[in-house]
Amino acid sequence: MPRQLILSLDGREFSVTLIKIDRDKLYGSVEVEAFDEKGREASLRVLAADGKTLIDKGGTSLATVNEKGTSVDRTSLSAVSEDGDAIEPVPSSFNEPNELKKAEIEDYLSLMFKSLYLVQPAEEGGDIKYLLDHLDGEQLYTFPFSWRGGLEYDQAFVVGAGGDAFMVVGKPAAFEFVKLNQATELDNTGSEEEEISADDIDFDLL
């Protein structure tokens, strides 16, 4: 059963489910199959550093090591900030109601997109009409979102289109405006290109 997300708007709570929309669902997908000269299906292998050993799928893994190269258990690690302060993990957004707040279109347009979901009632016949009515007037809402929980939230925007509700998830883009300390003018003196005629081109060199 799909996980239920609770959205809260004006004191009303809506239990919804999320259906991920990706390129395959929109445009379909293409699978490429490769065969050798005898008609046997080919599969991908990894060539080891020795240049002669072929490693089958599942034959490699990742490990976390310390500065001495000793393997460490990831559960014993803790995240810290640049200043060395411990980072408090954030909970999953499915664990508690999520209050929707009005958002500005500028914030939405500056979002670095990650995922798109169709928002539907959690139960058949569920009522999210109040939410859809508020999205019908080109209003959009936002709230911090994390699917599993982690070190930080993503930003989610709830928007309406064609009578449906969608949730767009991503990271706010941090734009920094810079300028030169001193303005200058370009000097084009002597930089004009000389006109070249076709007679000046040696086509034998091309």
Foldseek 3Di string as FASTA:
>chain_A
DAQWFWEAEPRDIATKGWDWDDPCNVPNDDDDWDADPVRHTDDDWDQDPVRPDTHDPPRDDDFDADPVRHTDDPVVDFDADPVRHGFDWFAASSVDYWYWDWDDVVQVVQFDFDTKIWIDGPDVVGDPPVVLVVQVVVIKTKTWHDHGIGRGTWIWMWHDDPSTIMITTGHGDDDDDDDDPDDDDDDCPPVDDDDDDPVNDDVVVD
